[in-house]
Amino acid sequence: MQGSAKYSWSPRPHDLPLFKRLLGDGVDLGMSFSYAEQATPNGLAEAFVIGRDFVAAASVCLVLGDNIFHGHGISKMLQRRYAICTAARSSAIK
């Protein structure tokens, strides 16, 4: 996402305040965020329909909100899991 100037998020109504609290307007990250609520989880295509004015003539990237992970120690946990999977894959290939 880095290198783009503006981003639009389309979270569900109960998630919207959480995204706003976590990400704010993006200025602290050197970005600009806007939000457009997706009332029900009706799929990826609807996210583009909701954000049609935002994406009108721009190149876009769709990021699924439920694929954003955050938390204390998550980086180390993912590194450990990656190491375990890599070791298992190496053993299986031999």
N, C-alpha and C. Protein backbone atom coordinates (compact mmCIF):
# COMPACT_ATOMS: atom_id res chain seq x y z
N MET A 1 0.81 -1.18 0.00
CA MET A 1 0.00 0.00 0.00
C MET A 1 0.86 1.25 0.00
N GLN A 2 2.09 1.10 0.33
CA GLN A 2 2.96 2.26 0.40
C GLN A 2 3.19 2.82 -1.00
N GLY A 3 3.29 4.14 -1.11
CA GLY A 3 3.51 4.77 -2.39
C GLY A 3 2.24 5.38 -2.94
N SER A 4 1.09 4.97 -2.45
CA SER A 4 -0.16 5.58 -2.85
C SER A 4 -0.49 6.69 -1.88
N ALA A 5 -1.29 7.61 -2.33
CA ALA A 5 -1.59 8.77 -1.50
C ALA A 5 -2.84 8.61 -0.66
N LYS A 6 -3.89 7.98 -1.21
CA LYS A 6 -5.17 7.92 -0.52
C LYS A 6 -5.67 6.49 -0.45
N TYR A 7 -6.38 6.19 0.63
CA TYR A 7 -6.94 4.86 0.84
C TYR A 7 -8.36 4.98 1.34
N SER A 8 -9.22 4.08 0.91
CA SER A 8 -10.60 4.05 1.38
C SER A 8 -10.85 2.70 2.03
N TRP A 9 -11.53 2.71 3.16
CA TRP A 9 -11.86 1.48 3.88
C TRP A 9 -13.38 1.33 3.90
N SER A 10 -13.87 0.10 3.77
CA SER A 10 -15.31 -0.17 3.79
C SER A 10 -15.64 -1.24 4.83
N PRO A 11 -15.47 -0.93 6.10
CA PRO A 11 -15.76 -1.93 7.14
C PRO A 11 -17.25 -2.02 7.44
N ARG A 12 -17.63 -3.09 8.14
CA ARG A 12 -19.00 -3.25 8.61
C ARG A 12 -19.26 -2.21 9.70
N PRO A 13 -20.53 -1.88 9.94
CA PRO A 13 -20.86 -0.81 10.90
C PRO A 13 -20.21 -0.97 12.28
N HIS A 14 -20.22 -2.20 12.83
CA HIS A 14 -19.65 -2.37 14.16
C HIS A 14 -18.12 -2.33 14.17
N ASP A 15 -17.50 -2.51 13.00
CA ASP A 15 -16.04 -2.44 12.91
C ASP A 15 -15.52 -1.04 12.59
N LEU A 16 -16.39 -0.19 12.05
CA LEU A 16 -15.96 1.13 11.61
C LEU A 16 -15.26 1.94 12.70
N PRO A 17 -15.82 2.04 13.92
CA PRO A 17 -15.12 2.80 14.96
C PRO A 17 -13.75 2.20 15.31
N LEU A 18 -13.63 0.88 15.22
CA LEU A 18 -12.36 0.22 15.54
C LEU A 18 -11.29 0.58 14.51
N PHE A 19 -11.67 0.56 13.22
CA PHE A 19 -10.73 0.94 12.17
C PHE A 19 -10.32 2.40 12.33
N LYS A 20 -11.30 3.25 12.60
CA LYS A 20 -10.99 4.67 12.76
C LYS A 20 -10.07 4.91 13.95
N ARG A 21 -10.29 4.18 15.04
CA ARG A 21 -9.44 4.33 16.22
C ARG A 21 -8.03 3.81 15.95
N LEU A 22 -7.92 2.69 15.25
CA LEU A 22 -6.63 2.09 14.96
C LEU A 22 -5.85 2.90 13.93
N LEU A 23 -6.51 3.30 12.85
CA LEU A 23 -5.82 3.92 11.72
C LEU A 23 -5.97 5.44 11.64
N GLY A 24 -7.04 5.97 12.23
CA GLY A 24 -7.30 7.40 12.16
C GLY A 24 -7.46 7.86 10.73
N ASP A 25 -6.99 9.07 10.48
CA ASP A 25 -7.10 9.60 9.11
C ASP A 25 -5.88 9.27 8.27
N GLY A 26 -4.93 8.53 8.86
CA GLY A 26 -3.75 8.08 8.13
C GLY A 26 -2.58 9.04 8.15
N VAL A 27 -2.80 10.26 8.62
CA VAL A 27 -1.75 11.28 8.59
C VAL A 27 -0.50 10.82 9.35
N ASP A 28 -0.69 10.17 10.49
CA ASP A 28 0.46 9.69 11.28
C ASP A 28 1.30 8.66 10.53
N LEU A 29 0.70 8.03 9.50
CA LEU A 29 1.39 7.04 8.70
C LEU A 29 1.86 7.59 7.35
N GLY A 30 1.64 8.89 7.16
CA GLY A 30 2.01 9.51 5.90
C GLY A 30 1.04 9.18 4.77
N MET A 31 -0.19 8.88 5.12
CA MET A 31 -1.21 8.49 4.15
C MET A 31 -2.48 9.29 4.42
N SER A 32 -3.49 9.06 3.61
CA SER A 32 -4.79 9.69 3.81
C SER A 32 -5.86 8.61 3.71
N PHE A 33 -6.65 8.42 4.78
CA PHE A 33 -7.68 7.39 4.79
C PHE A 33 -9.06 8.02 4.79
N SER A 34 -9.98 7.38 4.06
CA SER A 34 -11.40 7.73 4.14
C SER A 34 -12.15 6.43 4.41
N TYR A 35 -13.36 6.57 4.91
CA TYR A 35 -14.13 5.39 5.30
C TYR A 35 -15.51 5.44 4.67
N ALA A 36 -15.99 4.31 4.17
CA ALA A 36 -17.33 4.17 3.62
C ALA A 36 -17.88 2.85 4.15
N GLU A 37 -18.90 2.92 4.97
CA GLU A 37 -19.43 1.74 5.64
C GLU A 37 -20.04 0.73 4.67
N GLN A 38 -19.71 -0.53 4.88
CA GLN A 38 -20.35 -1.64 4.16
C GLN A 38 -21.30 -2.29 5.16
N ALA A 39 -22.60 -2.01 5.03
CA ALA A 39 -23.60 -2.39 6.03
C ALA A 39 -23.65 -3.89 6.29
N THR A 40 -23.54 -4.69 5.25
CA THR A 40 -23.55 -6.14 5.40
C THR A 40 -22.42 -6.72 4.55
N PRO A 41 -21.88 -7.87 4.94
CA PRO A 41 -20.77 -8.45 4.18
C PRO A 41 -21.24 -9.08 2.87
N ASN A 42 -21.47 -8.23 1.87
CA ASN A 42 -22.00 -8.69 0.57
C ASN A 42 -20.91 -8.93 -0.46
N GLY A 43 -19.69 -9.07 -0.04
CA GLY A 43 -18.64 -9.45 -0.96
C GLY A 43 -17.76 -8.32 -1.45
N LEU A 44 -16.74 -8.75 -2.18
CA LEU A 44 -15.72 -7.82 -2.66
C LEU A 44 -16.25 -6.82 -3.67
N ALA A 45 -17.09 -7.29 -4.57
CA ALA A 45 -17.61 -6.39 -5.62
C ALA A 45 -18.34 -5.21 -5.00
N GLU A 46 -19.09 -5.47 -3.93
CA GLU A 46 -19.83 -4.37 -3.29
C GLU A 46 -18.89 -3.32 -2.71
N ALA A 47 -17.73 -3.74 -2.23
CA ALA A 47 -16.76 -2.77 -1.70
C ALA A 47 -16.36 -1.77 -2.79
N PHE A 48 -16.24 -2.25 -4.03
CA PHE A 48 -15.92 -1.35 -5.13
C PHE A 48 -17.12 -0.47 -5.49
N VAL A 49 -18.32 -1.03 -5.39
CA VAL A 49 -19.53 -0.22 -5.66
C VAL A 49 -19.64 0.89 -4.61
N ILE A 50 -19.43 0.55 -3.35
CA ILE A 50 -19.50 1.54 -2.28
C ILE A 50 -18.45 2.62 -2.49
N GLY A 51 -17.27 2.23 -2.94
CA GLY A 51 -16.19 3.19 -3.12
C GLY A 51 -16.03 3.71 -4.54
N ARG A 52 -17.07 3.56 -5.36
CA ARG A 52 -16.95 3.91 -6.79
C ARG A 52 -16.49 5.34 -7.02
N ASP A 53 -16.95 6.29 -6.21
CA ASP A 53 -16.50 7.68 -6.40
C ASP A 53 -15.03 7.82 -6.03
N PHE A 54 -14.61 7.07 -5.05
CA PHE A 54 -13.22 7.13 -4.59
C PHE A 54 -12.27 6.55 -5.64
N VAL A 55 -12.68 5.43 -6.27
CA VAL A 55 -11.78 4.74 -7.21
C VAL A 55 -11.99 5.15 -8.66
N ALA A 56 -12.91 6.05 -8.91
CA ALA A 56 -13.36 6.44 -10.25
C ALA A 56 -12.35 6.19 -11.37
N ALA A 57 -11.27 6.92 -11.40
CA ALA A 57 -10.31 6.79 -12.50
C ALA A 57 -8.91 6.46 -12.00
N ALA A 58 -8.84 5.88 -10.84
CA ALA A 58 -7.54 5.63 -10.22
C ALA A 58 -7.18 4.15 -10.28
N SER A 59 -5.90 3.86 -10.18
CA SER A 59 -5.45 2.50 -9.96
C SER A 59 -5.76 2.16 -8.52
N VAL A 60 -6.27 0.98 -8.26
CA VAL A 60 -6.68 0.63 -6.91
C VAL A 60 -6.13 -0.72 -6.48
N CYS A 61 -6.12 -0.91 -5.18
CA CYS A 61 -5.74 -2.18 -4.58
C CYS A 61 -6.78 -2.48 -3.51
N LEU A 62 -7.37 -3.64 -3.53
CA LEU A 62 -8.37 -4.01 -2.54
C LEU A 62 -7.70 -4.84 -1.45
N VAL A 63 -7.83 -4.40 -0.21
CA VAL A 63 -7.29 -5.13 0.94
C VAL A 63 -8.47 -5.56 1.79
N LEU A 64 -8.56 -6.83 2.08
CA LEU A 64 -9.65 -7.34 2.89
C LEU A 64 -9.41 -7.02 4.36
N GLY A 65 -10.37 -6.37 4.98
CA GLY A 65 -10.22 -5.95 6.38
C GLY A 65 -10.02 -7.10 7.34
N ASP A 66 -10.60 -8.25 7.04
CA ASP A 66 -10.42 -9.38 7.95
C ASP A 66 -9.08 -10.07 7.74
N ASN A 67 -8.25 -9.52 6.86
CA ASN A 67 -6.91 -10.05 6.66
C ASN A 67 -5.84 -9.12 7.23
N ILE A 68 -6.26 -8.15 8.01
CA ILE A 68 -5.31 -7.26 8.67
C ILE A 68 -5.15 -7.78 10.09
N PHE A 69 -3.94 -8.15 10.45
CA PHE A 69 -3.68 -8.71 11.76
C PHE A 69 -2.83 -7.75 12.57
N HIS A 70 -3.16 -7.63 13.85
CA HIS A 70 -2.45 -6.71 14.72
C HIS A 70 -2.46 -7.29 16.13
N GLY A 71 -1.37 -7.15 16.83
CA GLY A 71 -1.37 -7.63 18.19
C GLY A 71 0.03 -7.79 18.74
N HIS A 72 0.12 -7.80 20.05
CA HIS A 72 1.39 -7.95 20.75
C HIS A 72 1.98 -9.32 20.45
N GLY A 73 3.20 -9.35 19.95
CA GLY A 73 3.90 -10.60 19.72
C GLY A 73 3.54 -11.33 18.44
N ILE A 74 2.68 -10.75 17.62
CA ILE A 74 2.24 -11.47 16.42
C ILE A 74 3.39 -11.70 15.44
N SER A 75 4.31 -10.76 15.35
CA SER A 75 5.44 -10.90 14.43
C SER A 75 6.29 -12.11 14.81
N LYS A 76 6.63 -12.24 16.08
CA LYS A 76 7.45 -13.38 16.53
C LYS A 76 6.69 -14.70 16.36
N MET A 77 5.38 -14.68 16.64
CA MET A 77 4.59 -15.88 16.48
C MET A 77 4.58 -16.33 15.02
N LEU A 78 4.39 -15.39 14.09
CA LEU A 78 4.38 -15.74 12.67
C LEU A 78 5.75 -16.24 12.21
N GLN A 79 6.82 -15.65 12.73
CA GLN A 79 8.17 -16.10 12.38
C GLN A 79 8.40 -17.53 12.87
N ARG A 80 7.94 -17.85 14.07
CA ARG A 80 8.09 -19.22 14.60
C ARG A 80 7.30 -20.21 13.74
N ARG A 81 6.07 -19.85 13.40
CA ARG A 81 5.23 -20.74 12.58
C ARG A 81 5.85 -20.93 11.20
N TYR A 82 6.39 -19.89 10.64
CA TYR A 82 7.05 -19.98 9.34
C TYR A 82 8.23 -20.94 9.41
N ALA A 83 9.04 -20.82 10.48
CA ALA A 83 10.20 -21.69 10.65
C ALA A 83 9.77 -23.15 10.78
N ILE A 84 8.70 -23.40 11.52
CA ILE A 84 8.19 -24.77 11.69
C ILE A 84 7.72 -25.32 10.36
N CYS A 85 6.96 -24.52 9.61
CA CYS A 85 6.45 -24.97 8.30
C CYS A 85 7.58 -25.21 7.31
N THR A 86 8.56 -24.34 7.32
CA THR A 86 9.71 -24.48 6.42
C THR A 86 10.48 -25.76 6.74
N ALA A 87 10.70 -26.02 8.04
CA ALA A 87 11.42 -27.23 8.45
C ALA A 87 10.62 -28.47 8.05
N ALA A 88 9.31 -28.44 8.25
CA ALA A 88 8.47 -29.59 7.90
C ALA A 88 8.48 -29.83 6.40
N ARG A 89 8.43 -28.75 5.62
CA ARG A 89 8.45 -28.89 4.16
C ARG A 89 9.79 -29.48 3.70
N SER A 90 10.88 -29.02 4.31
CA SER A 90 12.22 -29.53 3.96
C SER A 90 12.32 -31.02 4.26
N SER A 91 11.77 -31.43 5.40
CA SER A 91 11.82 -32.84 5.79
C SER A 91 10.97 -33.69 4.85
N ALA A 92 9.85 -33.16 4.41
CA ALA A 92 8.95 -33.91 3.54
C ALA A 92 9.56 -34.10 2.15
N ILE A 93 10.36 -33.17 1.71
CA ILE A 93 10.95 -33.23 0.38
C ILE A 93 12.07 -34.26 0.33
N LYS A 94 12.77 -34.48 1.43
CA LYS A 94 13.94 -35.39 1.46
C LYS A 94 13.56 -36.80 1.22
